[in-house]
């Protein structure tokens, strides 16, 4: 679960900050800040669903800005997928929406 959360955060930040011709953003990049596997691991072990949602939402918000906001086609789809993620009431139900977010963010890179 931690790796999946970190991957969604990484793809979000890549979309927001990575530019052509510059070094790629990697998992150990300072830009990742509090969105790394260790932070997500702690949140998962604590069962802190609110913390997971808040941390990942920060990254998704940056991605949403990068695609032109919630009024664009890409933004509308990202919002829909993020809503599915936020609607998961239990940790066990996070995987499917996270996989959908990961796949979407990877596709629109």
N, C-alpha and C. Protein backbone atom coordinates (compact mmCIF):
# COMPACT_ATOMS: atom_id res chain seq x y z
N UNK A 1 0.82 -1.19 0.00
CA UNK A 1 0.00 0.00 0.00
C UNK A 1 0.87 1.26 0.00
N UNK A 2 1.96 1.25 0.80
CA UNK A 2 2.82 2.42 0.89
C UNK A 2 3.43 2.77 -0.46
N UNK A 3 3.86 1.73 -1.18
CA UNK A 3 4.47 1.95 -2.49
C UNK A 3 3.45 2.54 -3.47
N UNK A 4 2.24 2.05 -3.44
CA UNK A 4 1.20 2.56 -4.31
C UNK A 4 0.87 4.02 -4.00
N UNK A 5 0.78 4.36 -2.74
CA UNK A 5 0.55 5.75 -2.34
C UNK A 5 1.69 6.65 -2.80
N UNK A 6 2.92 6.19 -2.59
CA UNK A 6 4.07 6.97 -2.99
C UNK A 6 4.11 7.14 -4.51
N UNK A 7 3.74 6.12 -5.25
CA UNK A 7 3.74 6.20 -6.71
C UNK A 7 2.73 7.22 -7.21
N UNK A 8 1.54 7.23 -6.63
CA UNK A 8 0.53 8.22 -7.01
C UNK A 8 1.06 9.62 -6.71
N UNK A 9 1.66 9.80 -5.55
CA UNK A 9 2.23 11.11 -5.20
C UNK A 9 3.34 11.49 -6.18
N UNK A 10 4.21 10.55 -6.51
CA UNK A 10 5.31 10.83 -7.43
C UNK A 10 4.79 11.24 -8.80
N UNK A 11 3.85 10.50 -9.35
CA UNK A 11 3.29 10.85 -10.66
C UNK A 11 2.60 12.21 -10.63
N UNK A 12 1.94 12.52 -9.52
CA UNK A 12 1.29 13.83 -9.39
C UNK A 12 2.32 14.95 -9.44
N UNK A 13 3.40 14.78 -8.69
CA UNK A 13 4.42 15.82 -8.64
C UNK A 13 5.21 15.89 -9.93
N UNK A 14 5.41 14.76 -10.60
CA UNK A 14 6.06 14.78 -11.91
C UNK A 14 5.22 15.61 -12.89
N UNK A 15 3.95 15.39 -12.87
CA UNK A 15 3.06 16.12 -13.76
C UNK A 15 3.12 17.62 -13.47
N UNK A 16 3.20 17.96 -12.20
CA UNK A 16 3.18 19.37 -11.80
C UNK A 16 4.53 20.06 -12.02
N UNK A 17 5.63 19.36 -11.79
CA UNK A 17 6.92 20.05 -11.74
C UNK A 17 7.97 19.61 -12.74
N UNK A 18 7.84 18.45 -13.31
CA UNK A 18 8.88 17.96 -14.20
C UNK A 18 8.77 18.66 -15.55
N UNK A 19 9.89 19.16 -16.02
CA UNK A 19 9.89 19.84 -17.31
C UNK A 19 10.83 19.13 -18.27
N UNK A 20 10.52 19.24 -19.54
CA UNK A 20 11.31 18.59 -20.56
C UNK A 20 12.72 19.17 -20.57
N UNK A 21 13.69 18.30 -20.69
CA UNK A 21 15.07 18.73 -20.74
C UNK A 21 15.75 18.89 -19.40
N UNK A 22 15.02 18.68 -18.32
CA UNK A 22 15.60 18.78 -16.98
C UNK A 22 15.63 17.40 -16.34
N UNK A 23 16.35 17.29 -15.26
CA UNK A 23 16.44 16.01 -14.55
C UNK A 23 15.06 15.57 -14.10
N UNK A 24 14.78 14.29 -14.20
CA UNK A 24 13.47 13.80 -13.76
C UNK A 24 13.35 13.83 -12.24
N UNK A 25 12.13 13.94 -11.78
CA UNK A 25 11.85 13.88 -10.34
C UNK A 25 11.87 12.41 -9.94
N UNK A 26 12.64 12.09 -8.93
CA UNK A 26 12.77 10.73 -8.44
C UNK A 26 12.20 10.63 -7.03
N UNK A 27 12.05 9.41 -6.56
CA UNK A 27 11.45 9.19 -5.24
C UNK A 27 12.20 9.88 -4.11
N UNK A 28 13.52 10.02 -4.25
CA UNK A 28 14.31 10.62 -3.17
C UNK A 28 14.50 12.13 -3.37
N UNK A 29 13.80 12.71 -4.32
CA UNK A 29 13.88 14.14 -4.59
C UNK A 29 13.29 14.91 -3.41
N UNK A 30 13.94 15.99 -2.99
CA UNK A 30 13.40 16.80 -1.88
C UNK A 30 11.99 17.32 -2.17
N UNK A 31 11.65 17.45 -3.42
CA UNK A 31 10.31 17.90 -3.81
C UNK A 31 9.22 16.96 -3.29
N UNK A 32 9.57 15.70 -3.10
CA UNK A 32 8.60 14.73 -2.59
C UNK A 32 8.18 15.08 -1.16
N UNK A 33 9.05 15.76 -0.42
CA UNK A 33 8.69 16.21 0.92
C UNK A 33 8.09 15.12 1.78
N UNK A 34 6.89 15.33 2.29
CA UNK A 34 6.22 14.38 3.16
C UNK A 34 5.41 13.34 2.41
N UNK A 35 5.71 13.13 1.14
CA UNK A 35 4.94 12.18 0.33
C UNK A 35 5.77 10.96 -0.04
N UNK A 36 6.63 10.53 0.87
CA UNK A 36 7.45 9.37 0.55
C UNK A 36 6.92 8.12 1.24
N UNK A 37 7.51 7.00 0.89
CA UNK A 37 7.05 5.70 1.36
C UNK A 37 7.06 5.60 2.89
N UNK A 38 8.08 6.18 3.53
CA UNK A 38 8.16 6.10 4.99
C UNK A 38 7.00 6.83 5.66
N UNK A 39 6.67 8.00 5.14
CA UNK A 39 5.55 8.77 5.70
C UNK A 39 4.25 8.00 5.49
N UNK A 40 4.04 7.51 4.27
CA UNK A 40 2.83 6.75 4.01
C UNK A 40 2.80 5.46 4.82
N UNK A 41 3.98 4.83 5.02
CA UNK A 41 4.04 3.62 5.83
C UNK A 41 3.59 3.87 7.25
N UNK A 42 4.02 4.99 7.81
CA UNK A 42 3.60 5.35 9.17
C UNK A 42 2.10 5.58 9.22
N UNK A 43 1.56 6.29 8.24
CA UNK A 43 0.12 6.56 8.21
C UNK A 43 -0.67 5.27 8.05
N UNK A 44 -0.17 4.37 7.22
CA UNK A 44 -0.87 3.08 7.03
C UNK A 44 -0.83 2.26 8.31
N UNK A 45 0.33 2.19 8.95
CA UNK A 45 0.43 1.41 10.20
C UNK A 45 -0.47 1.97 11.29
N UNK A 46 -0.64 3.27 11.30
CA UNK A 46 -1.52 3.90 12.29
C UNK A 46 -3.00 3.77 11.90
N UNK A 47 -3.24 3.40 10.64
CA UNK A 47 -4.62 3.35 10.16
C UNK A 47 -5.21 4.73 10.00
N UNK A 48 -4.35 5.71 9.73
CA UNK A 48 -4.75 7.11 9.65
C UNK A 48 -5.26 7.45 8.25
N UNK A 49 -6.49 7.08 7.98
CA UNK A 49 -7.10 7.31 6.68
C UNK A 49 -7.21 8.80 6.37
N UNK A 50 -7.53 9.59 7.37
CA UNK A 50 -7.64 11.05 7.18
C UNK A 50 -6.27 11.63 6.79
N UNK A 51 -5.23 11.18 7.46
CA UNK A 51 -3.88 11.64 7.13
C UNK A 51 -3.45 11.23 5.74
N UNK A 52 -3.79 10.02 5.34
CA UNK A 52 -3.47 9.55 3.99
C UNK A 52 -4.20 10.41 2.96
N UNK A 53 -5.48 10.62 3.18
CA UNK A 53 -6.25 11.45 2.25
C UNK A 53 -5.67 12.85 2.15
N UNK A 54 -5.34 13.46 3.27
CA UNK A 54 -4.83 14.83 3.28
C UNK A 54 -3.47 14.93 2.58
N UNK A 55 -2.58 13.99 2.87
CA UNK A 55 -1.25 14.02 2.29
C UNK A 55 -1.31 13.83 0.77
N UNK A 56 -2.08 12.87 0.33
CA UNK A 56 -2.17 12.61 -1.10
C UNK A 56 -2.95 13.71 -1.80
N UNK A 57 -3.92 14.31 -1.13
CA UNK A 57 -4.70 15.37 -1.74
C UNK A 57 -3.83 16.58 -2.08
N UNK A 58 -2.81 16.84 -1.27
CA UNK A 58 -1.90 17.95 -1.58
C UNK A 58 -1.22 17.71 -2.92
N UNK A 59 -0.75 16.49 -3.13
CA UNK A 59 -0.09 16.15 -4.40
C UNK A 59 -1.07 16.19 -5.56
N UNK A 60 -2.26 15.65 -5.35
CA UNK A 60 -3.27 15.65 -6.41
C UNK A 60 -3.72 17.06 -6.76
N UNK A 61 -3.74 17.94 -5.78
CA UNK A 61 -4.08 19.34 -6.03
C UNK A 61 -3.07 20.01 -6.96
N UNK A 62 -1.80 19.69 -6.77
CA UNK A 62 -0.76 20.23 -7.65
C UNK A 62 -0.92 19.69 -9.06
N UNK A 63 -1.24 18.39 -9.17
CA UNK A 63 -1.46 17.78 -10.48
C UNK A 63 -2.66 18.43 -11.16
N UNK A 64 -3.70 18.69 -10.41
CA UNK A 64 -4.90 19.32 -10.96
C UNK A 64 -4.57 20.70 -11.53
N UNK A 65 -3.78 21.46 -10.82
CA UNK A 65 -3.35 22.76 -11.33
C UNK A 65 -2.54 22.60 -12.62
N UNK A 66 -1.69 21.59 -12.66
CA UNK A 66 -0.83 21.36 -13.83
C UNK A 66 -1.62 21.02 -15.09
N UNK A 67 -2.79 20.39 -14.92
CA UNK A 67 -3.59 20.04 -16.11
C UNK A 67 -4.59 21.14 -16.46
N UNK A 68 -4.52 22.25 -15.78
CA UNK A 68 -5.37 23.38 -16.13
C UNK A 68 -6.60 23.57 -15.27
N UNK A 69 -6.68 22.85 -14.18
CA UNK A 69 -7.80 23.02 -13.27
C UNK A 69 -8.92 22.03 -13.50
N UNK A 70 -9.95 22.17 -12.68
CA UNK A 70 -11.04 21.19 -12.69
C UNK A 70 -12.03 21.39 -13.82
N UNK A 71 -11.88 22.44 -14.60
CA UNK A 71 -12.80 22.67 -15.72
C UNK A 71 -12.32 22.04 -17.02
N UNK A 72 -11.08 21.54 -17.04
CA UNK A 72 -10.55 20.91 -18.25
C UNK A 72 -10.98 19.45 -18.28
N UNK A 73 -10.86 18.83 -19.43
CA UNK A 73 -11.21 17.41 -19.56
C UNK A 73 -10.32 16.56 -18.66
N UNK A 74 -9.01 16.83 -18.69
CA UNK A 74 -8.09 16.08 -17.84
C UNK A 74 -8.38 16.32 -16.35
N UNK A 75 -8.69 17.56 -16.03
CA UNK A 75 -9.00 17.92 -14.65
C UNK A 75 -10.28 17.28 -14.15
N UNK A 76 -11.28 17.22 -14.99
CA UNK A 76 -12.54 16.59 -14.60
C UNK A 76 -12.34 15.11 -14.27
N UNK A 77 -11.57 14.44 -15.10
CA UNK A 77 -11.32 13.01 -14.86
C UNK A 77 -10.47 12.82 -13.60
N UNK A 78 -9.48 13.67 -13.41
CA UNK A 78 -8.66 13.58 -12.20
C UNK A 78 -9.51 13.82 -10.96
N UNK A 79 -10.41 14.79 -11.02
CA UNK A 79 -11.32 15.06 -9.91
C UNK A 79 -12.21 13.85 -9.62
N UNK A 80 -12.72 13.22 -10.65
CA UNK A 80 -13.58 12.05 -10.47
C UNK A 80 -12.82 10.92 -9.79
N UNK A 81 -11.61 10.68 -10.25
CA UNK A 81 -10.79 9.61 -9.65
C UNK A 81 -10.40 9.95 -8.21
N UNK A 82 -10.08 11.21 -7.95
CA UNK A 82 -9.74 11.64 -6.59
C UNK A 82 -10.94 11.51 -5.67
N UNK A 83 -12.12 11.80 -6.21
CA UNK A 83 -13.34 11.66 -5.40
C UNK A 83 -13.57 10.20 -5.01
N UNK A 84 -13.33 9.28 -5.95
CA UNK A 84 -13.44 7.85 -5.63
C UNK A 84 -12.46 7.46 -4.54
N UNK A 85 -11.24 8.01 -4.60
CA UNK A 85 -10.23 7.74 -3.58
C UNK A 85 -10.69 8.28 -2.21
N UNK A 86 -11.17 9.50 -2.18
CA UNK A 86 -11.62 10.11 -0.91
C UNK A 86 -12.84 9.41 -0.34
N UNK A 87 -13.63 8.78 -1.20
CA UNK A 87 -14.86 8.12 -0.75
C UNK A 87 -14.61 6.77 -0.08
N UNK A 88 -13.40 6.25 -0.20
CA UNK A 88 -13.09 4.95 0.41
C UNK A 88 -13.14 5.09 1.94
N UNK A 89 -14.08 4.40 2.59
CA UNK A 89 -14.26 4.57 4.02
C UNK A 89 -13.28 3.77 4.89
N UNK A 90 -12.59 2.80 4.28
CA UNK A 90 -11.67 1.96 5.04
C UNK A 90 -10.38 1.75 4.25
N UNK A 91 -9.31 1.47 4.96
CA UNK A 91 -8.00 1.24 4.33
C UNK A 91 -8.07 0.15 3.27
N UNK A 92 -8.84 -0.88 3.55
CA UNK A 92 -8.92 -2.01 2.64
C UNK A 92 -9.54 -1.64 1.30
N UNK A 93 -10.23 -0.53 1.25
CA UNK A 93 -10.92 -0.12 0.03
C UNK A 93 -10.15 0.94 -0.77
N UNK A 94 -8.93 1.23 -0.37
CA UNK A 94 -8.14 2.25 -1.05
C UNK A 94 -7.46 1.74 -2.32
N UNK A 95 -7.19 0.46 -2.39
CA UNK A 95 -6.35 -0.05 -3.48
C UNK A 95 -6.92 0.23 -4.87
N UNK A 96 -8.17 -0.10 -5.12
CA UNK A 96 -8.74 0.08 -6.46
C UNK A 96 -8.71 1.55 -6.91
N UNK A 97 -9.15 2.51 -6.07
CA UNK A 97 -9.07 3.90 -6.51
C UNK A 97 -7.63 4.39 -6.69
N UNK A 98 -6.71 3.88 -5.87
CA UNK A 98 -5.31 4.27 -6.01
C UNK A 98 -4.72 3.75 -7.31
N UNK A 99 -5.05 2.52 -7.67
CA UNK A 99 -4.57 1.95 -8.94
C UNK A 99 -5.12 2.77 -10.11
N UNK A 100 -6.38 3.16 -10.03
CA UNK A 100 -6.97 3.98 -11.10
C UNK A 100 -6.27 5.34 -11.19
N UNK A 101 -5.99 5.97 -10.06
CA UNK A 101 -5.27 7.24 -10.05
C UNK A 101 -3.87 7.07 -10.61
N UNK A 102 -3.17 6.06 -10.16
CA UNK A 102 -1.82 5.81 -10.64
C UNK A 102 -1.79 5.63 -12.15
N UNK A 103 -2.67 4.80 -12.65
CA UNK A 103 -2.70 4.53 -14.09
C UNK A 103 -3.04 5.78 -14.88
N UNK A 104 -3.98 6.56 -14.39
CA UNK A 104 -4.37 7.79 -15.08
C UNK A 104 -3.23 8.79 -15.10
N UNK A 105 -2.61 9.03 -13.95
CA UNK A 105 -1.52 9.98 -13.87
C UNK A 105 -0.33 9.55 -14.73
N UNK A 106 -0.07 8.27 -14.76
CA UNK A 106 1.02 7.76 -15.61
C UNK A 106 0.69 7.99 -17.08
N UNK A 107 -0.54 7.78 -17.45
CA UNK A 107 -0.97 7.93 -18.84
C UNK A 107 -0.89 9.37 -19.32
N UNK A 108 -1.20 10.34 -18.48
CA UNK A 108 -1.23 11.73 -18.93
C UNK A 108 0.11 12.44 -18.75
N UNK A 109 1.14 11.74 -18.31
CA UNK A 109 2.46 12.33 -18.14
C UNK A 109 2.89 12.99 -19.42
